[in-house]
Amino acid sequence: MESNLQKIENLLKNNKDGFTVSEIARKVNCSRNTARAYIERLIGEGKINIRKIGPSKLITYRGK
């Protein structure tokens, strides 16, 4: 079974336009806080980018 971290990473790898934290949480079926924790981990690993667009943050896959 795929972990939420793997689901988030695959979701971002397969969509070049990116997602907000809320969209990721909804698509992976977890809370925003859980999604945010995994996103922070992926940021630390240098695998994703975050771009602020107005009040939202767009998360895209950078890969490594």
PDB file of N, CA and C in Angstrom:
ATOM      1  N   MET A   1       0.840  -1.184   0.000  1.00  0.00           N
ATOM      2  CA  MET A   1       0.000   0.000   0.000  1.00  0.00           C
ATOM      3  C   MET A   1       0.891   1.256   0.000  1.00  0.00           C
ATOM      4  N   GLU A   2       0.518   2.216  -0.778  1.00  0.00           N
ATOM      5  CA  GLU A   2       1.287   3.441  -0.943  1.00  0.00           C
ATOM      6  C   GLU A   2       1.036   4.391   0.241  1.00  0.00           C
ATOM      7  N   SER A   3       2.099   4.943   0.814  1.00  0.00           N
ATOM      8  CA  SER A   3       1.956   5.887   1.933  1.00  0.00           C
ATOM      9  C   SER A   3       1.482   7.245   1.412  1.00  0.00           C
ATOM     10  N   ASN A   4       0.987   8.065   2.332  1.00  0.00           N
ATOM     11  CA  ASN A   4       0.555   9.410   1.935  1.00  0.00           C
ATOM     12  C   ASN A   4       1.709  10.212   1.351  1.00  0.00           C
ATOM     13  N   LEU A   5       2.907  10.036   1.898  1.00  0.00           N
ATOM     14  CA  LEU A   5       4.075  10.733   1.360  1.00  0.00           C
ATOM     15  C   LEU A   5       4.310  10.343  -0.098  1.00  0.00           C
ATOM     16  N   GLN A   6       4.245   9.057  -0.389  1.00  0.00           N
ATOM     17  CA  GLN A   6       4.424   8.582  -1.769  1.00  0.00           C
ATOM     18  C   GLN A   6       3.300   9.084  -2.665  1.00  0.00           C
ATOM     19  N   LYS A   7       2.080   9.098  -2.147  1.00  0.00           N
ATOM     20  CA  LYS A   7       0.942   9.588  -2.936  1.00  0.00           C
ATOM     21  C   LYS A   7       1.130  11.055  -3.299  1.00  0.00           C
ATOM     22  N   ILE A   8       1.570  11.854  -2.323  1.00  0.00           N
ATOM     23  CA  ILE A   8       1.779  13.278  -2.582  1.00  0.00           C
ATOM     24  C   ILE A   8       2.901  13.484  -3.593  1.00  0.00           C
ATOM     25  N   GLU A   9       3.991  12.769  -3.416  1.00  0.00           N
ATOM     26  CA  GLU A   9       5.112  12.909  -4.351  1.00  0.00           C
ATOM     27  C   GLU A   9       4.696  12.499  -5.765  1.00  0.00           C
ATOM     28  N   ASN A  10       3.987  11.394  -5.900  1.00  0.00           N
ATOM     29  CA  ASN A  10       3.530  10.944  -7.227  1.00  0.00           C
ATOM     30  C   ASN A  10       2.527  11.911  -7.830  1.00  0.00           C
ATOM     31  N   LEU A  11       1.636  12.443  -7.003  1.00  0.00           N
ATOM     32  CA  LEU A  11       0.648  13.415  -7.479  1.00  0.00           C
ATOM     33  C   LEU A  11       1.354  14.624  -8.081  1.00  0.00           C
ATOM     34  N   LEU A  12       2.368  15.124  -7.386  1.00  0.00           N
ATOM     35  CA  LEU A  12       3.098  16.295  -7.874  1.00  0.00           C
ATOM     36  C   LEU A  12       3.970  15.961  -9.087  1.00  0.00           C
ATOM     37  N   LYS A  13       4.546  14.775  -9.107  1.00  0.00           N
ATOM     38  CA  LYS A  13       5.370  14.358 -10.262  1.00  0.00           C
ATOM     39  C   LYS A  13       4.538  14.314 -11.536  1.00  0.00           C
ATOM     40  N   ASN A  14       3.290  13.883 -11.402  1.00  0.00           N
ATOM     41  CA  ASN A  14       2.436  13.651 -12.562  1.00  0.00           C
ATOM     42  C   ASN A  14       1.602  14.861 -12.969  1.00  0.00           C
ATOM     43  N   ASN A  15       1.774  15.990 -12.285  1.00  0.00           N
ATOM     44  CA  ASN A  15       1.032  17.189 -12.646  1.00  0.00           C
ATOM     45  C   ASN A  15       1.958  18.387 -12.567  1.00  0.00           C
ATOM     46  N   LYS A  16       2.391  18.857 -13.688  1.00  0.00           N
ATOM     47  CA  LYS A  16       3.373  19.947 -13.753  1.00  0.00           C
ATOM     48  C   LYS A  16       2.811  21.297 -13.304  1.00  0.00           C
ATOM     49  N   ASP A  17       1.463  21.444 -13.297  1.00  0.00           N
ATOM     50  CA  ASP A  17       0.851  22.715 -12.905  1.00  0.00           C
ATOM     51  C   ASP A  17       0.885  22.938 -11.399  1.00  0.00           C
ATOM     52  N   GLY A  18       0.969  21.857 -10.622  1.00  0.00           N
ATOM     53  CA  GLY A  18       1.034  21.966  -9.173  1.00  0.00           C
ATOM     54  C   GLY A  18      -0.333  22.049  -8.518  1.00  0.00           C
ATOM     55  N   PHE A  19      -0.312  22.074  -7.190  1.00  0.00           N
ATOM     56  CA  PHE A  19      -1.523  22.096  -6.377  1.00  0.00           C
ATOM     57  C   PHE A  19      -1.300  22.949  -5.139  1.00  0.00           C
ATOM     58  N   THR A  20      -2.400  23.385  -4.524  1.00  0.00           N
ATOM     59  CA  THR A  20      -2.321  24.017  -3.213  1.00  0.00           C
ATOM     60  C   THR A  20      -2.340  22.909  -2.159  1.00  0.00           C
ATOM     61  N   VAL A  21      -2.048  23.266  -0.912  1.00  0.00           N
ATOM     62  CA  VAL A  21      -2.068  22.285   0.171  1.00  0.00           C
ATOM     63  C   VAL A  21      -3.463  21.672   0.302  1.00  0.00           C
ATOM     64  N   SER A  22      -4.492  22.497   0.211  1.00  0.00           N
ATOM     65  CA  SER A  22      -5.870  21.997   0.326  1.00  0.00           C
ATOM     66  C   SER A  22      -6.203  21.001  -0.776  1.00  0.00           C
ATOM     67  N   GLU A  23      -5.773  21.299  -1.992  1.00  0.00           N
ATOM     68  CA  GLU A  23      -6.024  20.378  -3.108  1.00  0.00           C
ATOM     69  C   GLU A  23      -5.293  19.058  -2.905  1.00  0.00           C
ATOM     70  N   ILE A  24      -4.056  19.127  -2.441  1.00  0.00           N
ATOM     71  CA  ILE A  24      -3.291  17.899  -2.192  1.00  0.00           C
ATOM     72  C   ILE A  24      -3.981  17.070  -1.118  1.00  0.00           C
ATOM     73  N   ALA A  25      -4.382  17.713  -0.017  1.00  0.00           N
ATOM     74  CA  ALA A  25      -5.052  16.999   1.076  1.00  0.00           C
ATOM     75  C   ALA A  25      -6.317  16.316   0.577  1.00  0.00           C
ATOM     76  N   ARG A  26      -7.081  17.003  -0.238  1.00  0.00           N
ATOM     77  CA  ARG A  26      -8.329  16.448  -0.772  1.00  0.00           C
ATOM     78  C   ARG A  26      -8.053  15.255  -1.689  1.00  0.00           C
ATOM     79  N   LYS A  27      -7.064  15.371  -2.554  1.00  0.00           N
ATOM     80  CA  LYS A  27      -6.765  14.300  -3.512  1.00  0.00           C
ATOM     81  C   LYS A  27      -6.144  13.077  -2.847  1.00  0.00           C
ATOM     82  N   VAL A  28      -5.389  13.288  -1.755  1.00  0.00           N
ATOM     83  CA  VAL A  28      -4.731  12.176  -1.066  1.00  0.00           C
ATOM     84  C   VAL A  28      -5.623  11.645   0.070  1.00  0.00           C
ATOM     85  N   ASN A  29      -6.689  12.382   0.379  1.00  0.00           N
ATOM     86  CA  ASN A  29      -7.639  11.998   1.418  1.00  0.00           C
ATOM     87  C   ASN A  29      -6.989  12.012   2.800  1.00  0.00           C
ATOM     88  N   CYS A  30      -6.403  13.166   3.137  1.00  0.00           N
ATOM     89  CA  CYS A  30      -5.829  13.347   4.468  1.00  0.00           C
ATOM     90  C   CYS A  30      -6.121  14.784   4.905  1.00  0.00           C
ATOM     91  N   SER A  31      -5.795  15.105   6.159  1.00  0.00           N
ATOM     92  CA  SER A  31      -6.031  16.464   6.649  1.00  0.00           C
ATOM     93  C   SER A  31      -5.002  17.425   6.041  1.00  0.00           C
ATOM     94  N   ARG A  32      -5.328  18.712   6.091  1.00  0.00           N
ATOM     95  CA  ARG A  32      -4.379  19.733   5.605  1.00  0.00           C
ATOM     96  C   ARG A  32      -3.096  19.699   6.431  1.00  0.00           C
ATOM     97  N   ASN A  33      -3.231  19.471   7.743  1.00  0.00           N
ATOM     98  CA  ASN A  33      -2.047  19.425   8.602  1.00  0.00           C
ATOM     99  C   ASN A  33      -1.130  18.265   8.232  1.00  0.00           C
ATOM    100  N   THR A  34      -1.716  17.109   7.952  1.00  0.00           N
ATOM    101  CA  THR A  34      -0.923  15.950   7.543  1.00  0.00           C
ATOM    102  C   THR A  34      -0.239  16.224   6.212  1.00  0.00           C
ATOM    103  N   ALA A  35      -0.998  16.757   5.262  1.00  0.00           N
ATOM    104  CA  ALA A  35      -0.422  17.083   3.949  1.00  0.00           C
ATOM    105  C   ALA A  35       0.715  18.084   4.116  1.00  0.00           C
ATOM    106  N   ARG A  36       0.515  19.082   4.961  1.00  0.00           N
ATOM    107  CA  ARG A  36       1.541  20.109   5.173  1.00  0.00           C
ATOM    108  C   ARG A  36       2.814  19.502   5.766  1.00  0.00           C
ATOM    109  N   ALA A  37       2.669  18.542   6.683  1.00  0.00           N
ATOM    110  CA  ALA A  37       3.838  17.885   7.281  1.00  0.00           C
ATOM    111  C   ALA A  37       4.644  17.143   6.212  1.00  0.00           C
ATOM    112  N   TYR A  38       3.956  16.441   5.331  1.00  0.00           N
ATOM    113  CA  TYR A  38       4.649  15.721   4.251  1.00  0.00           C
ATOM    114  C   TYR A  38       5.272  16.690   3.250  1.00  0.00           C
ATOM    115  N   ILE A  39       4.587  17.790   2.995  1.00  0.00           N
ATOM    116  CA  ILE A  39       5.125  18.806   2.090  1.00  0.00           C
ATOM    117  C   ILE A  39       6.413  19.392   2.672  1.00  0.00           C
ATOM    118  N   GLU A  40       6.415  19.668   3.974  1.00  0.00           N
ATOM    119  CA  GLU A  40       7.623  20.183   4.632  1.00  0.00           C
ATOM    120  C   GLU A  40       8.776  19.194   4.489  1.00  0.00           C
ATOM    121  N   ARG A  41       8.480  17.917   4.608  1.00  0.00           N
ATOM    122  CA  ARG A  41       9.517  16.891   4.444  1.00  0.00           C
ATOM    123  C   ARG A  41      10.078  16.915   3.022  1.00  0.00           C
ATOM    124  N   LEU A  42       9.194  17.014   2.034  1.00  0.00           N
ATOM    125  CA  LEU A  42       9.629  17.048   0.636  1.00  0.00           C
ATOM    126  C   LEU A  42      10.419  18.323   0.333  1.00  0.00           C
ATOM    127  N   ILE A  43      10.066  19.421   0.991  1.00  0.00           N
ATOM    128  CA  ILE A  43      10.840  20.662   0.843  1.00  0.00           C
ATOM    129  C   ILE A  43      12.247  20.432   1.367  1.00  0.00           C
ATOM    130  N   GLY A  44      12.345  19.817   2.535  1.00  0.00           N
ATOM    131  CA  GLY A  44      13.644  19.534   3.138  1.00  0.00           C
ATOM    132  C   GLY A  44      14.517  18.643   2.277  1.00  0.00           C
ATOM    133  N   GLU A  45      13.873  17.742   1.543  1.00  0.00           N
ATOM    134  CA  GLU A  45      14.599  16.840   0.645  1.00  0.00           C
ATOM    135  C   GLU A  45      14.916  17.499  -0.694  1.00  0.00           C
ATOM    136  N   GLY A  46      14.433  18.725  -0.896  1.00  0.00           N
ATOM    137  CA  GLY A  46      14.692  19.449  -2.136  1.00  0.00           C
ATOM    138  C   GLY A  46      13.908  18.933  -3.330  1.00  0.00           C
ATOM    139  N   LYS A  47      12.787  18.272  -3.081  1.00  0.00           N
ATOM    140  CA  LYS A  47      12.029  17.659  -4.176  1.00  0.00           C
ATOM    141  C   LYS A  47      10.907  18.528  -4.719  1.00  0.00           C
ATOM    142  N   ILE A  48      10.493  19.551  -3.968  1.00  0.00           N
ATOM    143  CA  ILE A  48       9.379  20.383  -4.426  1.00  0.00           C
ATOM    144  C   ILE A  48       9.700  21.863  -4.270  1.00  0.00           C
ATOM    145  N   ASN A  49       8.959  22.663  -5.017  1.00  0.00           N
ATOM    146  CA  ASN A  49       9.041  24.121  -4.944  1.00  0.00           C
ATOM    147  C   ASN A  49       7.709  24.657  -4.445  1.00  0.00           C
ATOM    148  N   ILE A  50       7.754  25.773  -3.748  1.00  0.00           N
ATOM    149  CA  ILE A  50       6.528  26.459  -3.345  1.00  0.00           C
ATOM    150  C   ILE A  50       6.602  27.878  -3.879  1.00  0.00           C
ATOM    151  N   ARG A  51       5.529  28.269  -4.560  1.00  0.00           N
ATOM    152  CA  ARG A  51       5.455  29.622  -5.127  1.00  0.00           C
ATOM    153  C   ARG A  51       4.199  30.286  -4.587  1.00  0.00           C
ATOM    154  N   LYS A  52       4.350  31.450  -4.014  1.00  0.00           N
ATOM    155  CA  LYS A  52       3.208  32.172  -3.460  1.00  0.00           C
ATOM    156  C   LYS A  52       2.470  32.896  -4.576  1.00  0.00           C
ATOM    157  N   ILE A  53       1.171  32.654  -4.639  1.00  0.00           N
ATOM    158  CA  ILE A  53       0.307  33.311  -5.628  1.00  0.00           C
ATOM    159  C   ILE A  53      -0.869  33.894  -4.857  1.00  0.00           C
ATOM    160  N   GLY A  54      -0.815  35.200  -4.618  1.00  0.00           N
ATOM    161  CA  GLY A  54      -1.833  35.822  -3.776  1.00  0.00           C
ATOM    162  C   GLY A  54      -1.764  35.210  -2.384  1.00  0.00           C
ATOM    163  N   PRO A  55      -2.904  34.847  -1.821  1.00  0.00           N
ATOM    164  CA  PRO A  55      -2.900  34.254  -0.481  1.00  0.00           C
ATOM    165  C   PRO A  55      -2.551  32.764  -0.482  1.00  0.00           C
ATOM    166  N   SER A  56      -2.474  32.154  -1.647  1.00  0.00           N
ATOM    167  CA  SER A  56      -2.224  30.718  -1.754  1.00  0.00           C
ATOM    168  C   SER A  56      -0.775  30.415  -2.080  1.00  0.00           C
ATOM    169  N   LYS A  57      -0.392  29.170  -1.793  1.00  0.00           N
ATOM    170  CA  LYS A  57       0.940  28.692  -2.146  1.00  0.00           C
ATOM    171  C   LYS A  57       0.776  27.534  -3.120  1.00  0.00           C
ATOM    172  N   LEU A  58       1.412  27.650  -4.266  1.00  0.00           N
ATOM    173  CA  LEU A  58       1.356  26.610  -5.282  1.00  0.00           C
ATOM    174  C   LEU A  58       2.564  25.706  -5.126  1.00  0.00           C
ATOM    175  N   ILE A  59       2.306  24.422  -4.996  1.00  0.00           N
ATOM    176  CA  ILE A  59       3.367  23.448  -4.771  1.00  0.00           C
ATOM    177  C   ILE A  59       3.574  22.651  -6.046  1.00  0.00           C
ATOM    178  N   THR A  60       4.821  22.638  -6.524  1.00  0.00           N
ATOM    179  CA  THR A  60       5.172  21.915  -7.739  1.00  0.00           C
ATOM    180  C   THR A  60       6.360  21.003  -7.472  1.00  0.00           C
ATOM    181  N   TYR A  61       6.490  19.973  -8.292  1.00  0.00           N
ATOM    182  CA  TYR A  61       7.577  19.011  -8.142  1.00  0.00           C
ATOM    183  C   TYR A  61       8.823  19.500  -8.847  1.00  0.00           C
ATOM    184  N   ARG A  62       9.921  19.443  -8.164  1.00  0.00           N
ATOM    185  CA  ARG A  62      11.205  19.822  -8.746  1.00  0.00           C
ATOM    186  C   ARG A  62      12.029  18.570  -9.051  1.00  0.00           C
ATOM    187  N   GLY A  63      11.874  17.565  -8.233  1.00  0.00           N
ATOM    188  CA  GLY A  63      12.625  16.323  -8.416  1.00  0.00           C
ATOM    189  C   GLY A  63      14.056  16.463  -7.949  1.00  0.00           C
ATOM    190  N   LYS A  64      14.663  15.323  -7.764  1.00  0.00           N
ATOM    191  CA  LYS A  64      16.063  15.319  -7.363  1.00  0.00           C
ATOM    192  C   LYS A  64      16.633  13.948  -7.506  1.00  0.00           C
TER     193      LYS A  64
END
